[in-house]
Amino acid sequence: MATYYNLPVYKESYDLLIELFKLTKEFSREYKYTIGETIKNETIQMIVKIYKANSSLNKKEHIGAARENLEIIRLMVRLLKDLKQINVSKFSSLNERIETLSKQLTAWQNAQT
């Protein structure tokens, strides 16, 4: 079993979390404590599930749950763009990171058959 913090999917998700924490500081007050908190919590939950998947015998269940968190994060990022809390460039950057994570989680889940 690899140490979870050496996993590429863990590193990528942690980088996303750091980026989101920095980004939420810039939101207007109305969105900072609603969408901002939700997106940070979903990202933290996703990282915890990645850790659990790495240390568990039943990896598929935890990976599937992490993928669900990622889809909620994707939805929140789109909502932030539509509410003009992030610009198109930042939206594109975040979406690329989310897509990379999605591919890594899907490949990991498929490898567990």
N, C-alpha and C. Protein backbone atom coordinates (compact mmCIF):
# COMPACT_ATOMS: atom_id res chain seq x y z
N MET A 1 0.84 -1.18 0.00
CA MET A 1 0.00 0.00 0.00
C MET A 1 0.89 1.24 0.00
N ALA A 2 0.66 2.09 -0.97
CA ALA A 2 1.40 3.35 -1.04
C ALA A 2 0.90 4.30 0.03
N THR A 3 1.78 5.13 0.52
CA THR A 3 1.37 6.15 1.47
C THR A 3 0.44 7.11 0.71
N TYR A 4 -0.68 7.45 1.33
CA TYR A 4 -1.70 8.22 0.62
C TYR A 4 -1.18 9.55 0.10
N TYR A 5 -0.26 10.19 0.83
CA TYR A 5 0.20 11.50 0.37
C TYR A 5 1.19 11.42 -0.78
N ASN A 6 1.56 10.20 -1.19
CA ASN A 6 2.38 10.03 -2.39
C ASN A 6 1.54 9.73 -3.62
N LEU A 7 0.24 9.50 -3.44
CA LEU A 7 -0.64 9.22 -4.56
C LEU A 7 -0.84 10.48 -5.41
N PRO A 8 -0.73 10.36 -6.73
CA PRO A 8 -0.98 11.53 -7.59
C PRO A 8 -2.37 12.12 -7.41
N VAL A 9 -3.37 11.27 -7.21
CA VAL A 9 -4.74 11.75 -7.03
C VAL A 9 -4.87 12.53 -5.72
N TYR A 10 -4.15 12.12 -4.71
CA TYR A 10 -4.17 12.84 -3.44
C TYR A 10 -3.49 14.21 -3.61
N LYS A 11 -2.34 14.22 -4.26
CA LYS A 11 -1.61 15.48 -4.47
C LYS A 11 -2.46 16.47 -5.27
N GLU A 12 -3.09 15.98 -6.32
CA GLU A 12 -3.92 16.84 -7.17
C GLU A 12 -5.12 17.38 -6.39
N SER A 13 -5.76 16.53 -5.59
CA SER A 13 -6.92 16.98 -4.83
C SER A 13 -6.51 17.97 -3.73
N TYR A 14 -5.35 17.76 -3.13
CA TYR A 14 -4.87 18.68 -2.11
C TYR A 14 -4.55 20.05 -2.74
N ASP A 15 -3.95 20.04 -3.93
CA ASP A 15 -3.67 21.29 -4.63
C ASP A 15 -4.97 22.03 -4.95
N LEU A 16 -6.00 21.28 -5.34
CA LEU A 16 -7.30 21.88 -5.60
C LEU A 16 -7.85 22.52 -4.32
N LEU A 17 -7.73 21.83 -3.21
CA LEU A 17 -8.21 22.37 -1.94
C LEU A 17 -7.51 23.68 -1.59
N ILE A 18 -6.21 23.71 -1.72
CA ILE A 18 -5.45 24.94 -1.43
C ILE A 18 -5.92 26.08 -2.35
N GLU A 19 -6.08 25.77 -3.62
CA GLU A 19 -6.53 26.79 -4.57
C GLU A 19 -7.92 27.31 -4.20
N LEU A 20 -8.81 26.42 -3.80
CA LEU A 20 -10.17 26.84 -3.43
C LEU A 20 -10.18 27.67 -2.15
N PHE A 21 -9.33 27.31 -1.18
CA PHE A 21 -9.25 28.10 0.04
C PHE A 21 -8.80 29.52 -0.27
N LYS A 22 -7.81 29.66 -1.14
CA LYS A 22 -7.32 30.99 -1.51
C LYS A 22 -8.39 31.77 -2.28
N LEU A 23 -9.10 31.05 -3.14
CA LEU A 23 -10.10 31.68 -4.00
C LEU A 23 -11.30 32.18 -3.20
N THR A 24 -11.74 31.44 -2.21
CA THR A 24 -12.95 31.83 -1.48
C THR A 24 -12.77 33.13 -0.69
N LYS A 25 -11.56 33.51 -0.41
CA LYS A 25 -11.31 34.78 0.28
C LYS A 25 -11.83 35.96 -0.55
N GLU A 26 -11.86 35.78 -1.87
CA GLU A 26 -12.23 36.88 -2.76
C GLU A 26 -13.73 36.95 -3.04
N PHE A 27 -14.50 35.97 -2.59
CA PHE A 27 -15.93 35.96 -2.86
C PHE A 27 -16.62 37.08 -2.09
N SER A 28 -17.76 37.52 -2.62
CA SER A 28 -18.56 38.48 -1.85
C SER A 28 -19.09 37.76 -0.61
N ARG A 29 -19.43 38.52 0.39
CA ARG A 29 -19.83 37.96 1.69
C ARG A 29 -20.97 36.95 1.56
N GLU A 30 -21.92 37.25 0.69
CA GLU A 30 -23.08 36.38 0.51
C GLU A 30 -22.69 34.98 0.09
N TYR A 31 -21.67 34.85 -0.76
CA TYR A 31 -21.27 33.55 -1.30
C TYR A 31 -20.11 32.91 -0.53
N LYS A 32 -19.35 33.71 0.17
CA LYS A 32 -18.20 33.19 0.92
C LYS A 32 -18.63 32.17 1.97
N TYR A 33 -19.75 32.44 2.63
CA TYR A 33 -20.19 31.59 3.73
C TYR A 33 -21.25 30.57 3.33
N THR A 34 -21.62 30.55 2.08
CA THR A 34 -22.57 29.54 1.60
C THR A 34 -21.87 28.62 0.62
N ILE A 35 -21.72 29.07 -0.59
CA ILE A 35 -21.08 28.26 -1.62
C ILE A 35 -19.61 28.00 -1.27
N GLY A 36 -18.94 29.02 -0.76
CA GLY A 36 -17.52 28.87 -0.40
C GLY A 36 -17.29 27.77 0.62
N GLU A 37 -18.08 27.77 1.67
CA GLU A 37 -17.96 26.74 2.70
C GLU A 37 -18.34 25.36 2.16
N THR A 38 -19.38 25.32 1.35
CA THR A 38 -19.81 24.04 0.78
C THR A 38 -18.73 23.43 -0.09
N ILE A 39 -18.13 24.24 -0.95
CA ILE A 39 -17.12 23.70 -1.87
C ILE A 39 -15.87 23.26 -1.11
N LYS A 40 -15.51 24.00 -0.07
CA LYS A 40 -14.34 23.60 0.73
C LYS A 40 -14.64 22.30 1.48
N ASN A 41 -15.83 22.18 2.06
CA ASN A 41 -16.19 20.96 2.78
C ASN A 41 -16.25 19.74 1.86
N GLU A 42 -16.80 19.91 0.67
CA GLU A 42 -16.87 18.80 -0.29
C GLU A 42 -15.47 18.35 -0.70
N THR A 43 -14.57 19.30 -0.86
CA THR A 43 -13.21 18.96 -1.25
C THR A 43 -12.50 18.23 -0.11
N ILE A 44 -12.69 18.68 1.10
CA ILE A 44 -12.10 17.99 2.26
C ILE A 44 -12.65 16.58 2.37
N GLN A 45 -13.97 16.43 2.20
CA GLN A 45 -14.58 15.09 2.25
C GLN A 45 -14.01 14.19 1.16
N MET A 46 -13.79 14.75 -0.03
CA MET A 46 -13.23 13.97 -1.13
C MET A 46 -11.82 13.48 -0.76
N ILE A 47 -11.01 14.33 -0.19
CA ILE A 47 -9.65 13.94 0.20
C ILE A 47 -9.69 12.86 1.28
N VAL A 48 -10.60 12.97 2.22
CA VAL A 48 -10.74 11.95 3.26
C VAL A 48 -11.12 10.61 2.62
N LYS A 49 -11.99 10.63 1.65
CA LYS A 49 -12.40 9.39 0.98
C LYS A 49 -11.26 8.79 0.16
N ILE A 50 -10.41 9.63 -0.39
CA ILE A 50 -9.23 9.13 -1.11
C ILE A 50 -8.31 8.42 -0.11
N TYR A 51 -8.13 9.02 1.05
CA TYR A 51 -7.33 8.39 2.11
C TYR A 51 -7.94 7.04 2.50
N LYS A 52 -9.25 7.03 2.73
CA LYS A 52 -9.93 5.80 3.13
C LYS A 52 -9.83 4.73 2.05
N ALA A 53 -9.95 5.13 0.80
CA ALA A 53 -9.85 4.17 -0.31
C ALA A 53 -8.46 3.55 -0.33
N ASN A 54 -7.45 4.35 -0.10
CA ASN A 54 -6.09 3.84 -0.13
C ASN A 54 -5.82 2.86 1.00
N SER A 55 -6.47 3.05 2.14
CA SER A 55 -6.18 2.19 3.30
C SER A 55 -7.24 1.11 3.51
N SER A 56 -8.17 0.99 2.60
CA SER A 56 -9.27 0.04 2.76
C SER A 56 -9.15 -1.13 1.78
N LEU A 57 -9.78 -2.23 2.16
CA LEU A 57 -9.86 -3.37 1.24
C LEU A 57 -10.96 -3.13 0.20
N ASN A 58 -12.01 -2.43 0.59
CA ASN A 58 -13.11 -2.12 -0.32
C ASN A 58 -12.91 -0.72 -0.91
N LYS A 59 -11.97 -0.60 -1.82
CA LYS A 59 -11.59 0.69 -2.38
C LYS A 59 -12.70 1.29 -3.25
N LYS A 60 -13.41 0.44 -3.99
CA LYS A 60 -14.40 0.94 -4.95
C LYS A 60 -15.46 1.82 -4.30
N GLU A 61 -15.91 1.43 -3.13
CA GLU A 61 -16.95 2.19 -2.43
C GLU A 61 -16.46 3.60 -2.11
N HIS A 62 -15.26 3.71 -1.59
CA HIS A 62 -14.71 5.02 -1.22
C HIS A 62 -14.37 5.85 -2.45
N ILE A 63 -13.87 5.21 -3.48
CA ILE A 63 -13.54 5.94 -4.71
C ILE A 63 -14.82 6.48 -5.34
N GLY A 64 -15.87 5.66 -5.36
CA GLY A 64 -17.15 6.11 -5.90
C GLY A 64 -17.69 7.31 -5.13
N ALA A 65 -17.56 7.28 -3.81
CA ALA A 65 -18.01 8.40 -2.99
C ALA A 65 -17.17 9.65 -3.27
N ALA A 66 -15.87 9.47 -3.48
CA ALA A 66 -15.00 10.61 -3.81
C ALA A 66 -15.39 11.21 -5.16
N ARG A 67 -15.78 10.35 -6.09
CA ARG A 67 -16.23 10.84 -7.40
C ARG A 67 -17.52 11.65 -7.27
N GLU A 68 -18.39 11.24 -6.36
CA GLU A 68 -19.62 12.01 -6.12
C GLU A 68 -19.28 13.38 -5.57
N ASN A 69 -18.35 13.44 -4.62
CA ASN A 69 -17.91 14.73 -4.09
C ASN A 69 -17.37 15.61 -5.21
N LEU A 70 -16.61 15.01 -6.10
CA LEU A 70 -16.00 15.77 -7.19
C LEU A 70 -17.07 16.36 -8.12
N GLU A 71 -18.14 15.62 -8.36
CA GLU A 71 -19.21 16.15 -9.21
C GLU A 71 -19.92 17.32 -8.53
N ILE A 72 -20.06 17.27 -7.22
CA ILE A 72 -20.65 18.40 -6.50
C ILE A 72 -19.71 19.61 -6.59
N ILE A 73 -18.41 19.37 -6.48
CA ILE A 73 -17.43 20.45 -6.61
C ILE A 73 -17.53 21.06 -8.01
N ARG A 74 -17.65 20.21 -9.02
CA ARG A 74 -17.78 20.69 -10.40
C ARG A 74 -19.01 21.60 -10.54
N LEU A 75 -20.13 21.18 -9.95
CA LEU A 75 -21.36 21.97 -9.98
C LEU A 75 -21.16 23.31 -9.28
N MET A 76 -20.52 23.30 -8.12
CA MET A 76 -20.29 24.53 -7.37
C MET A 76 -19.39 25.51 -8.14
N VAL A 77 -18.38 24.97 -8.81
CA VAL A 77 -17.49 25.83 -9.61
C VAL A 77 -18.27 26.49 -10.75
N ARG A 78 -19.14 25.71 -11.38
CA ARG A 78 -19.94 26.30 -12.46
C ARG A 78 -20.87 27.38 -11.91
N LEU A 79 -21.47 27.12 -10.75
CA LEU A 79 -22.34 28.10 -10.11
C LEU A 79 -21.56 29.38 -9.79
N LEU A 80 -20.35 29.22 -9.30
CA LEU A 80 -19.51 30.40 -9.00
C LEU A 80 -19.25 31.24 -10.24
N LYS A 81 -19.02 30.56 -11.36
CA LYS A 81 -18.81 31.31 -12.62
C LYS A 81 -20.08 32.04 -13.02
N ASP A 82 -21.22 31.35 -12.94
CA ASP A 82 -22.48 31.97 -13.34
C ASP A 82 -22.87 33.12 -12.43
N LEU A 83 -22.44 33.07 -11.17
CA LEU A 83 -22.72 34.16 -10.23
C LEU A 83 -21.65 35.24 -10.27
N LYS A 84 -20.70 35.08 -11.18
CA LYS A 84 -19.63 36.05 -11.42
C LYS A 84 -18.71 36.22 -10.20
N GLN A 85 -18.47 35.12 -9.49
CA GLN A 85 -17.54 35.13 -8.38
C GLN A 85 -16.14 34.72 -8.84
N ILE A 86 -16.08 34.05 -9.99
CA ILE A 86 -14.80 33.72 -10.61
C ILE A 86 -14.91 34.05 -12.10
N ASN A 87 -13.78 34.39 -12.69
CA ASN A 87 -13.79 34.73 -14.11
C ASN A 87 -13.65 33.46 -14.96
N VAL A 88 -13.79 33.61 -16.25
CA VAL A 88 -13.76 32.47 -17.16
C VAL A 88 -12.40 31.78 -17.13
N SER A 89 -11.35 32.54 -17.00
CA SER A 89 -10.01 31.97 -16.95
C SER A 89 -9.84 31.06 -15.73
N LYS A 90 -10.26 31.52 -14.56
CA LYS A 90 -10.18 30.73 -13.33
C LYS A 90 -11.10 29.52 -13.43
N PHE A 91 -12.28 29.70 -14.01
CA PHE A 91 -13.23 28.60 -14.21
C PHE A 91 -12.59 27.52 -15.07
N SER A 92 -11.94 27.93 -16.13
CA SER A 92 -11.28 26.98 -17.03
C SER A 92 -10.16 26.24 -16.31
N SER A 93 -9.37 26.95 -15.55
CA SER A 93 -8.27 26.36 -14.79
C SER A 93 -8.79 25.33 -13.78
N LEU A 94 -9.83 25.69 -13.04
CA LEU A 94 -10.40 24.77 -12.06
C LEU A 94 -11.01 23.55 -12.74
N ASN A 95 -11.67 23.77 -13.87
CA ASN A 95 -12.27 22.65 -14.58
C ASN A 95 -11.23 21.67 -15.10
N GLU A 96 -10.09 22.18 -15.53
CA GLU A 96 -9.01 21.29 -15.98
C GLU A 96 -8.51 20.43 -14.82
N ARG A 97 -8.37 21.03 -13.67
CA ARG A 97 -7.93 20.30 -12.47
C ARG A 97 -8.98 19.26 -12.07
N ILE A 98 -10.24 19.64 -12.12
CA ILE A 98 -11.34 18.72 -11.79
C ILE A 98 -11.38 17.57 -12.78
N GLU A 99 -11.19 17.86 -14.03
CA GLU A 99 -11.20 16.80 -15.06
C GLU A 99 -10.04 15.83 -14.87
N THR A 100 -8.89 16.34 -14.52
CA THR A 100 -7.73 15.49 -14.23
C THR A 100 -8.03 14.57 -13.05
N LEU A 101 -8.61 15.12 -12.01
CA LEU A 101 -8.99 14.32 -10.84
C LEU A 101 -10.03 13.27 -11.21
N SER A 102 -10.99 13.65 -12.01
CA SER A 102 -12.04 12.73 -12.43
C SER A 102 -11.46 11.54 -13.19
N LYS A 103 -10.54 11.82 -14.08
CA LYS A 103 -9.89 10.74 -14.86
C LYS A 103 -9.08 9.82 -13.95
N GLN A 104 -8.37 10.40 -12.99
CA GLN A 104 -7.57 9.59 -12.07
C GLN A 104 -8.45 8.71 -11.19
N LEU A 105 -9.52 9.27 -10.67
CA LEU A 105 -10.42 8.50 -9.82
C LEU A 105 -11.12 7.39 -10.62
N THR A 106 -11.53 7.71 -11.84
CA THR A 106 -12.19 6.71 -12.69
C THR A 106 -11.24 5.56 -13.01
N ALA A 107 -10.01 5.89 -13.36
CA ALA A 107 -9.02 4.85 -13.68
C ALA A 107 -8.73 3.98 -12.46
N TRP A 108 -8.63 4.62 -11.29
CA TRP A 108 -8.38 3.88 -10.05
C TRP A 108 -9.55 2.96 -9.73
N GLN A 109 -10.75 3.48 -9.93
CA GLN A 109 -11.95 2.66 -9.65
C GLN A 109 -12.04 1.48 -10.62
N ASN A 110 -11.75 1.72 -11.89
CA ASN A 110 -11.79 0.65 -12.89
C ASN A 110 -10.73 -0.41 -12.65
N ALA A 111 -9.62 -0.03 -12.07
CA ALA A 111 -8.55 -0.97 -11.79
C ALA A 111 -8.89 -1.90 -10.62
N GLN A 112 -9.95 -1.59 -9.89
CA GLN A 112 -10.32 -2.36 -8.72
C GLN A 112 -11.27 -3.52 -9.02
N THR A 113 -11.51 -3.82 -10.28
CA THR A 113 -12.46 -4.90 -10.63
C THR A 113 -11.96 -6.26 -10.36
